[in-house]
Amino acid sequence: MTDVTYYVALPFTEDGDGGVSPGAAEEFQGPSHAMRRAEALARMPGVIGAVAFSRSGDPMIGEFKDATVLRAFGNVPSDLSGM
């Protein structure tokens, strides 16, 4: 089994009902890049927050461990288990 770690920045917006919706995830080669991008995304118009996270696993068989939040910026959901 070959584990691969993905580093991701994920923005959040507010939907029409006042709920929070995830935007388009962006993948990076390292944690610092993902955290910098998440911070920049959180400052963009219409974005209420963003999170940088990592996730490791074996893409060949589709098994991944739970995501690890690296850093959150702004208003992000307290329960990120669904991302």
C-alpha atoms as a PDB file:
ATOM      1  CA  MET A   1       0.000   0.000   0.000  1.00  0.00           C
ATOM      2  CA  THR A   2       1.333   3.424  -0.996  1.00  0.00           C
ATOM      3  CA  ASP A   3       0.012   6.289   1.107  1.00  0.00           C
ATOM      4  CA  VAL A   4      -0.247   9.702  -0.495  1.00  0.00           C
ATOM      5  CA  THR A   5      -0.984  12.925   1.390  1.00  0.00           C
ATOM      6  CA  TYR A   6      -3.110  15.589  -0.233  1.00  0.00           C
ATOM      7  CA  TYR A   7      -3.036  19.201   1.009  1.00  0.00           C
ATOM      8  CA  VAL A   8      -6.199  21.144   0.298  1.00  0.00           C
ATOM      9  CA  ALA A   9      -7.621  24.660   0.678  1.00  0.00           C
ATOM     10  CA  LEU A  10     -11.420  24.796   0.859  1.00  0.00           C
ATOM     11  CA  PRO A  11     -13.445  28.034   0.929  1.00  0.00           C
ATOM     12  CA  PHE A  12     -16.926  28.435   2.411  1.00  0.00           C
ATOM     13  CA  THR A  13     -19.767  30.713   1.356  1.00  0.00           C
ATOM     14  CA  GLU A  14     -23.131  31.493   2.877  1.00  0.00           C
ATOM     15  CA  ASP A  15     -26.089  30.004   1.038  1.00  0.00           C
ATOM     16  CA  GLY A  16     -29.473  31.699   0.594  1.00  0.00           C
ATOM     17  CA  ASP A  17     -30.859  30.161   3.789  1.00  0.00           C
ATOM     18  CA  GLY A  18     -28.030  31.419   6.010  1.00  0.00           C
ATOM     19  CA  GLY A  19     -26.251  28.067   6.004  1.00  0.00           C
ATOM     20  CA  VAL A  20     -22.635  27.472   5.075  1.00  0.00           C
ATOM     21  CA  SER A  21     -21.687  25.770   1.803  1.00  0.00           C
ATOM     22  CA  PRO A  22     -18.247  24.548   0.712  1.00  0.00           C
ATOM     23  CA  GLY A  23     -16.752  25.988  -2.461  1.00  0.00           C
ATOM     24  CA  ALA A  24     -14.298  24.432  -4.878  1.00  0.00           C
ATOM     25  CA  ALA A  25     -11.397  22.631  -3.206  1.00  0.00           C
ATOM     26  CA  GLU A  26      -7.864  23.383  -4.428  1.00  0.00           C
ATOM     27  CA  GLU A  27      -5.022  20.875  -4.030  1.00  0.00           C
ATOM     28  CA  PHE A  28      -1.412  21.827  -3.207  1.00  0.00           C
ATOM     29  CA  GLN A  29       1.937  20.057  -2.909  1.00  0.00           C
ATOM     30  CA  GLY A  30       2.605  21.080   0.689  1.00  0.00           C
ATOM     31  CA  PRO A  31       0.907  22.271   3.856  1.00  0.00           C
ATOM     32  CA  SER A  32       2.287  25.816   3.792  1.00  0.00           C
ATOM     33  CA  HIS A  33       0.901  26.418   0.299  1.00  0.00           C
ATOM     34  CA  ALA A  34      -2.525  25.130   1.318  1.00  0.00           C
ATOM     35  CA  MET A  35      -2.569  27.323   4.436  1.00  0.00           C
ATOM     36  CA  ARG A  36      -1.524  30.455   2.524  1.00  0.00           C
ATOM     37  CA  ARG A  37      -4.192  29.839  -0.106  1.00  0.00           C
ATOM     38  CA  ALA A  38      -6.883  29.201   2.517  1.00  0.00           C
ATOM     39  CA  GLU A  39      -5.986  32.489   4.195  1.00  0.00           C
ATOM     40  CA  ALA A  40      -6.210  34.316   0.853  1.00  0.00           C
ATOM     41  CA  LEU A  41      -9.506  32.618  -0.017  1.00  0.00           C
ATOM     42  CA  ALA A  42     -11.021  33.684   3.327  1.00  0.00           C
ATOM     43  CA  ARG A  43     -10.422  37.332   2.356  1.00  0.00           C
ATOM     44  CA  MET A  44     -12.123  37.106  -1.049  1.00  0.00           C
ATOM     45  CA  PRO A  45     -15.508  38.761  -1.655  1.00  0.00           C
ATOM     46  CA  GLY A  46     -18.397  36.401  -0.971  1.00  0.00           C
ATOM     47  CA  VAL A  47     -16.251  33.967   1.006  1.00  0.00           C
ATOM     48  CA  ILE A  48     -16.949  33.805   4.744  1.00  0.00           C
ATOM     49  CA  GLY A  49     -14.071  31.497   5.671  1.00  0.00           C
ATOM     50  CA  ALA A  50     -11.692  28.812   4.502  1.00  0.00           C
ATOM     51  CA  VAL A  51      -9.855  25.826   5.873  1.00  0.00           C
ATOM     52  CA  ALA A  52      -6.596  24.109   4.962  1.00  0.00           C
ATOM     53  CA  PHE A  53      -6.485  20.383   5.603  1.00  0.00           C
ATOM     54  CA  SER A  54      -4.536  17.269   4.749  1.00  0.00           C
ATOM     55  CA  ARG A  55      -5.765  13.795   3.987  1.00  0.00           C
ATOM     56  CA  SER A  56      -3.675  10.658   3.590  1.00  0.00           C
ATOM     57  CA  GLY A  57      -4.457   7.324   2.065  1.00  0.00           C
ATOM     58  CA  ASP A  58      -4.066   4.978  -0.849  1.00  0.00           C
ATOM     59  CA  PRO A  59      -5.720   6.352  -3.991  1.00  0.00           C
ATOM     60  CA  MET A  60      -5.333   3.026  -5.812  1.00  0.00           C
ATOM     61  CA  ILE A  61      -7.797   1.322  -3.488  1.00  0.00           C
ATOM     62  CA  GLY A  62      -9.722   4.422  -2.383  1.00  0.00           C
ATOM     63  CA  GLU A  63      -8.980   4.138   1.334  1.00  0.00           C
ATOM     64  CA  PHE A  64      -8.283   7.400   3.140  1.00  0.00           C
ATOM     65  CA  LYS A  65      -7.853   8.411   6.758  1.00  0.00           C
ATOM     66  CA  ASP A  66      -9.912  11.237   8.231  1.00  0.00           C
ATOM     67  CA  ALA A  67      -8.857  14.733   7.211  1.00  0.00           C
ATOM     68  CA  THR A  68      -6.598  16.724   9.554  1.00  0.00           C
ATOM     69  CA  VAL A  69      -7.341  20.446   9.782  1.00  0.00           C
ATOM     70  CA  LEU A  70      -4.133  22.426   9.415  1.00  0.00           C
ATOM     71  CA  ARG A  71      -5.637  25.889   9.906  1.00  0.00           C
ATOM     72  CA  ALA A  72      -9.031  27.595   9.694  1.00  0.00           C
ATOM     73  CA  PHE A  73      -9.685  31.220   8.738  1.00  0.00           C
ATOM     74  CA  GLY A  74     -12.892  33.171   9.243  1.00  0.00           C
ATOM     75  CA  ASN A  75     -16.282  31.516   9.655  1.00  0.00           C
ATOM     76  CA  VAL A  76     -16.041  27.779   9.034  1.00  0.00           C
ATOM     77  CA  PRO A  77     -18.363  25.009  10.228  1.00  0.00           C
ATOM     78  CA  SER A  78     -17.431  23.528  13.588  1.00  0.00           C
ATOM     79  CA  ASP A  79     -18.114  20.023  12.251  1.00  0.00           C
ATOM     80  CA  LEU A  80     -15.928  19.395   9.222  1.00  0.00           C
ATOM     81  CA  SER A  81     -16.398  15.623   9.225  1.00  0.00           C
ATOM     82  CA  GLY A  82     -18.400  15.781   5.995  1.00  0.00           C
ATOM     83  CA  MET A  83     -15.667  17.333   3.885  1.00  0.00           C
END
